[in-house]
Protein backbone atom coordinates (compact mmCIF):
# COMPACT_ATOMS: atom_id res chain seq x y z
CA MET A 1 -0.11 -0.05 0.10
CA LYS A 2 1.33 3.39 -1.17
CA ILE A 3 1.68 6.13 1.32
CA LYS A 4 2.52 9.63 0.49
CA GLU A 5 4.78 12.17 1.87
CA ASN A 6 3.15 13.63 5.55
CA GLU A 7 0.95 10.51 5.94
CA ARG A 8 0.71 7.45 8.48
CA ILE A 9 -1.06 4.34 9.14
CA ASP A 10 -3.02 4.52 12.37
CA ASP A 11 -4.31 0.90 14.03
CA LEU A 12 -7.82 1.29 15.15
CA GLU A 13 -7.72 -1.72 17.50
CA HIS A 14 -10.80 -2.94 16.44
CA ASP A 15 -10.67 -6.07 14.07
CA ASN A 16 -7.38 -5.36 12.71
CA LEU A 17 -8.40 -2.25 11.18
CA LYS A 18 -6.14 0.49 9.95
CA ILE A 19 -6.62 4.03 8.58
CA ILE A 20 -4.10 6.27 6.64
CA GLN A 21 -4.21 9.87 8.04
CA ASN A 22 -2.49 12.98 6.75
CA LYS A 23 -0.43 14.56 9.65
CA ASN A 24 -1.05 18.07 8.35
CA GLY A 25 -4.62 17.25 8.01
CA PHE A 26 -7.51 16.94 9.78
CA CYS A 27 -7.29 13.87 11.64
CA PHE A 28 -10.31 11.94 13.42
CA GLY A 29 -11.41 12.38 16.82
CA ILE A 30 -13.18 10.60 19.10
CA ASP A 31 -16.54 11.92 18.04
CA SER A 32 -16.23 9.84 15.02
CA ILE A 33 -15.70 7.02 17.23
CA LEU A 34 -18.41 7.66 19.13
CA ILE A 35 -21.16 8.51 16.22
CA SER A 36 -20.32 5.16 14.44
CA ASP A 37 -21.16 3.25 17.61
CA PHE A 38 -24.22 5.34 18.25
CA ALA A 39 -25.20 4.37 14.41
CA LYS A 40 -24.65 0.62 15.26
CA ASP A 41 -27.80 -0.48 15.04
CA ILE A 42 -28.42 -0.04 11.71
CA LYS A 43 -30.24 -3.05 9.93
CA ASN A 44 -28.59 -5.90 8.13
CA ASN A 45 -27.97 -5.56 4.74
CA SER A 46 -28.61 -1.96 4.71
CA ILE A 47 -27.01 0.46 1.99
CA GLY A 48 -26.34 3.97 3.81
CA ALA A 49 -23.75 6.90 3.23
CA ASP A 50 -21.39 9.21 5.29
CA LEU A 51 -21.65 12.96 4.24
CA GLY A 52 -18.41 14.25 4.50
CA THR A 53 -16.64 10.79 5.22
CA GLY A 54 -12.97 12.38 5.63
CA THR A 55 -10.69 9.86 6.33
CA GLY A 56 -13.35 7.23 6.02
CA ILE A 57 -12.96 6.49 9.49
CA ILE A 58 -16.90 5.96 10.30
CA GLY A 59 -17.75 4.02 7.39
CA ILE A 60 -14.55 1.67 8.24
CA LEU A 61 -15.85 1.48 11.77
CA LEU A 62 -19.32 0.63 10.73
CA CYS A 63 -18.43 -1.94 8.25
CA ALA A 64 -16.81 -3.94 11.30
CA LYS A 65 -19.41 -3.13 13.67
CA THR A 66 -22.77 -4.07 11.58
CA LYS A 67 -23.67 -6.37 8.80
CA LEU A 68 -24.28 -3.39 6.35
CA LYS A 69 -24.38 -4.35 2.74
CA LYS A 70 -22.67 -0.84 1.40
CA ILE A 71 -21.70 2.52 2.28
CA TYR A 72 -20.58 5.39 0.20
CA GLY A 73 -18.55 8.06 1.54
CA ILE A 74 -18.99 11.40 0.28
CA GLU A 75 -15.92 13.52 0.38
CA ILE A 76 -15.53 16.99 -1.95
CA GLN A 77 -11.40 17.36 -0.93
CA LYS A 78 -9.86 14.98 -4.00
CA ASP A 79 -6.87 14.17 -1.94
CA VAL A 80 -8.79 13.28 1.05
CA ALA A 81 -11.13 11.21 -0.99
CA ASP A 82 -8.00 9.24 -2.11
CA MET A 83 -6.78 8.95 0.88
CA ALA A 84 -9.66 7.36 2.37
CA ASN A 85 -10.10 5.03 -0.91
CA ARG A 86 -6.74 3.46 0.04
CA SER A 87 -7.79 2.85 3.55
CA ILE A 88 -10.46 1.00 2.37
CA ILE A 89 -8.27 -1.25 0.21
CA LEU A 90 -5.82 -1.49 2.55
CA ASN A 91 -8.87 -2.92 5.08
CA GLY A 92 -10.00 -5.16 2.12
CA LEU A 93 -13.48 -3.47 2.26
CA SER A 94 -13.93 -2.47 -1.44
CA GLU A 95 -17.07 -4.40 -1.39
CA LYS A 96 -18.72 -2.65 1.15
CA PHE A 97 -17.32 1.04 1.23
CA GLU A 98 -17.03 3.07 -1.94
CA ILE A 99 -15.69 6.87 -2.11
CA LEU A 100 -17.65 9.31 -3.82
CA ASN A 101 -15.34 12.51 -4.62
CA ILE A 102 -18.33 14.82 -5.09
CA ASN A 103 -19.92 17.85 -2.95
CA ILE A 104 -23.12 17.30 -1.09
CA ARG A 105 -24.67 20.58 -2.23
CA ASN A 106 -24.74 18.42 -6.13
CA ILE A 107 -25.79 15.26 -4.83
CA LYS A 108 -28.85 15.13 -7.26
CA GLU A 109 -26.49 15.00 -10.08
CA HIS A 110 -24.76 11.55 -8.82
CA MET A 111 -27.29 9.79 -6.67
CA GLN A 112 -30.75 8.60 -6.81
CA ARG A 113 -33.93 10.01 -4.44
CA ASP A 114 -35.30 8.06 -1.91
CA ASN A 115 -32.60 5.00 -2.45
CA LEU A 116 -30.84 4.86 1.01
CA ASP A 117 -31.63 3.04 4.30
CA PHE A 118 -29.40 5.09 6.65
CA ILE A 119 -27.10 8.32 6.64
CA VAL A 120 -24.29 8.89 9.24
CA THR A 121 -22.49 12.10 9.40
CA ASN A 122 -20.03 14.29 11.19
CA PRO A 123 -20.38 17.57 9.62
CA PRO A 124 -18.46 20.79 9.99
CA TYR A 125 -19.38 22.13 13.49
CA LYS A 126 -18.33 25.88 12.83
CA LYS A 127 -20.20 28.19 10.75
CA LEU A 128 -17.87 30.05 8.26
CA GLU A 129 -17.57 33.14 9.69
CA THR A 130 -16.44 32.03 13.24
CA GLY A 131 -13.36 30.23 14.80
CA LYS A 132 -9.97 30.57 13.37
CA MET A 133 -9.45 30.74 10.02
CA ASN A 134 -6.07 30.58 9.87
CA GLU A 135 -5.74 26.90 9.12
CA ASN A 136 -4.55 24.94 6.23
CA GLU A 137 -7.21 24.41 3.49
CA TYR A 138 -8.14 21.02 4.39
CA LYS A 139 -8.77 21.65 8.16
CA ILE A 140 -11.18 24.46 7.35
CA ILE A 141 -13.38 22.41 4.77
CA SER A 142 -13.27 19.76 7.60
CA ARG A 143 -14.05 22.41 10.68
CA HIS A 144 -16.05 25.06 8.76
CA GLU A 145 -19.02 24.85 6.50
CA TYR A 146 -16.89 26.03 3.85
CA SER A 147 -18.37 24.06 1.23
CA ALA A 148 -21.49 23.21 2.64
CA ASN A 149 -23.61 23.94 5.33
CA LEU A 150 -25.65 22.20 7.78
CA GLU A 151 -28.75 22.76 5.81
CA ASP A 152 -27.30 21.35 2.91
CA PHE A 153 -26.27 18.38 5.20
CA ILE A 154 -30.06 17.75 6.07
CA SER A 155 -31.66 18.61 2.68
CA SER A 156 -29.29 16.25 1.16
CA SER A 157 -30.08 13.52 3.76
CA ARG A 158 -33.69 14.18 3.26
CA TYR A 159 -33.15 13.35 -0.77
CA LEU A 160 -31.46 10.46 -0.02
CA LEU A 161 -33.26 8.73 2.29
CA LYS A 162 -35.81 6.24 1.91
CA ASP A 163 -39.60 7.03 3.85
CA LYS A 164 -38.51 5.85 7.35
CA GLY A 165 -34.64 5.93 6.53
CA THR A 166 -32.36 6.99 9.20
CA LEU A 167 -30.09 9.64 9.88
CA TYR A 168 -27.37 9.61 12.79
CA MET A 169 -25.59 12.80 13.32
CA VAL A 170 -22.89 13.98 15.99
CA HIS A 171 -22.77 17.84 16.26
CA ARG A 172 -22.04 20.65 18.94
CA PRO A 173 -24.88 21.05 21.82
CA GLU A 174 -25.03 24.92 21.04
CA ARG A 175 -26.07 24.36 17.77
CA LEU A 176 -29.19 21.80 18.46
CA VAL A 177 -31.75 24.19 18.17
CA GLU A 178 -30.63 25.02 14.77
CA LEU A 179 -30.32 21.69 13.94
CA MET A 180 -33.73 20.15 15.10
CA GLU A 181 -35.69 23.04 13.38
CA LEU A 182 -33.74 22.25 10.07
CA MET A 183 -34.64 18.29 10.66
CA ARG A 184 -38.34 19.71 11.21
CA LYS A 185 -38.21 21.54 8.03
CA TYR A 186 -37.26 18.60 6.17
CA LYS A 187 -39.36 15.86 7.59
CA ILE A 188 -36.73 14.20 9.80
CA GLU A 189 -38.14 13.81 12.95
CA PRO A 190 -35.68 13.45 15.95
CA LYS A 191 -36.04 10.36 17.89
CA LYS A 192 -33.37 10.01 20.20
CA ILE A 193 -30.90 12.28 21.63
CA ARG A 194 -27.65 11.84 23.84
CA PHE A 195 -25.48 14.44 25.19
CA VAL A 196 -21.78 13.53 25.68
CA TYR A 197 -19.81 15.07 28.39
CA SER A 198 -16.05 15.23 28.69
CA THR A 199 -16.46 14.74 32.56
CA ILE A 200 -19.19 14.42 34.67
CA ASN A 201 -18.84 18.32 36.03
CA LYS A 202 -18.36 19.63 32.77
CA ASP A 203 -21.18 20.96 30.16
CA ALA A 204 -21.95 18.64 27.27
CA CYS A 205 -19.56 18.80 24.53
CA LEU A 206 -20.98 16.95 21.90
CA VAL A 207 -24.59 15.68 21.02
CA LEU A 208 -25.38 12.63 19.15
CA ILE A 209 -28.76 12.50 17.30
CA LYS A 210 -30.99 10.00 15.64
CA ALA A 211 -33.70 11.14 13.39
CA VAL A 212 -35.87 9.08 11.06
CA LYS A 213 -37.52 10.58 7.73
CA ASN A 214 -41.41 10.93 7.82
CA ALA A 215 -41.42 9.20 11.57
CA LYS A 216 -44.01 10.63 14.18
CA PRO A 217 -43.02 12.92 16.62
CA PHE A 218 -41.69 11.35 19.76
CA LEU A 219 -38.15 11.88 21.32
CA LYS A 220 -36.33 10.08 24.04
CA ILE A 221 -33.18 11.80 25.65
CA GLU A 222 -30.83 9.05 26.66
CA LYS A 223 -28.46 8.87 29.93
CA PRO A 224 -25.32 10.94 29.47
CA LEU A 225 -22.29 9.88 28.13
CA ILE A 226 -19.07 10.84 29.86
CA ILE A 227 -15.90 10.37 28.38
CA TYR A 228 -13.33 10.51 31.53
CA LYS A 229 -13.17 9.77 34.96
CA GLU A 230 -12.14 12.47 37.48
CA ASN A 231 -8.55 10.76 37.55
CA GLY A 232 -8.44 11.41 33.83
CA GLU A 233 -9.11 7.68 32.78
CA TYR A 234 -11.84 6.68 30.32
CA THR A 235 -14.90 5.54 31.80
CA ASP A 236 -16.07 1.89 31.41
CA GLU A 237 -18.44 2.87 28.52
CA ILE A 238 -15.43 4.59 26.76
CA TYR A 239 -13.30 1.60 26.87
CA LYS A 240 -16.18 -0.60 25.54
CA ILE A 241 -16.37 1.35 22.76
CA TYR A 242 -12.80 1.86 22.13
CA ASN A 243 -13.04 -2.18 22.35
CA LYS A 244 -10.29 -2.03 24.81
CA GLU A 245 -9.36 -3.82 28.28
CA ARG A 246 -9.02 -1.43 31.54
CA LYS A 247 -5.63 -1.18 32.50
CA SER A 248 -4.82 -2.80 36.28
């Protein structure tokens, strides 16, 4: 497997999976790990997509955690899409995971309407005019709504999902109201929410959302997910999600 300059291969410590990452680009974080675990209830033989797939981490983990039939990774950055595709080949997942180098704003030109069972996404959290912009282009596109905004992600999900298809998303709590308003606008009904906290005494840092296209209103708020104990160690649930044994 060819590795380019400034790239490295990381061990995902799950089913011998590995991933190629650019040391100067946007490397995946715990949010991608958590959404892949949150979405592991997708049904067997499902066909879906990861919008803004980046390194391909979410799709790779879902291939291991579920019995999905096919997942498409939508990625606008050509170099990043190529890197994700090489990770797919490295893990022998080419029959299940396919990368499409397109902008989700142009999704209607490339993919069929009402055809997918699920969508999973970890979109950029920051609006274009907010946060630091003195980053390289890879990081700007990954962190800011540079090439597509939150409404683009949700409207594209509406277009792609079958009736009663499921959308899984991880985002920041401060944008939850906006997110839910957009879901309601596009008739993707929020059904389950779980807030994530770095420690039990901190404010929520992430929110995991499951929503269903054309579903009736009924929202369940799950128990909080805590990442770290007070001593700085992962909680038991995070160790389980990472598929790791607690150190003695």
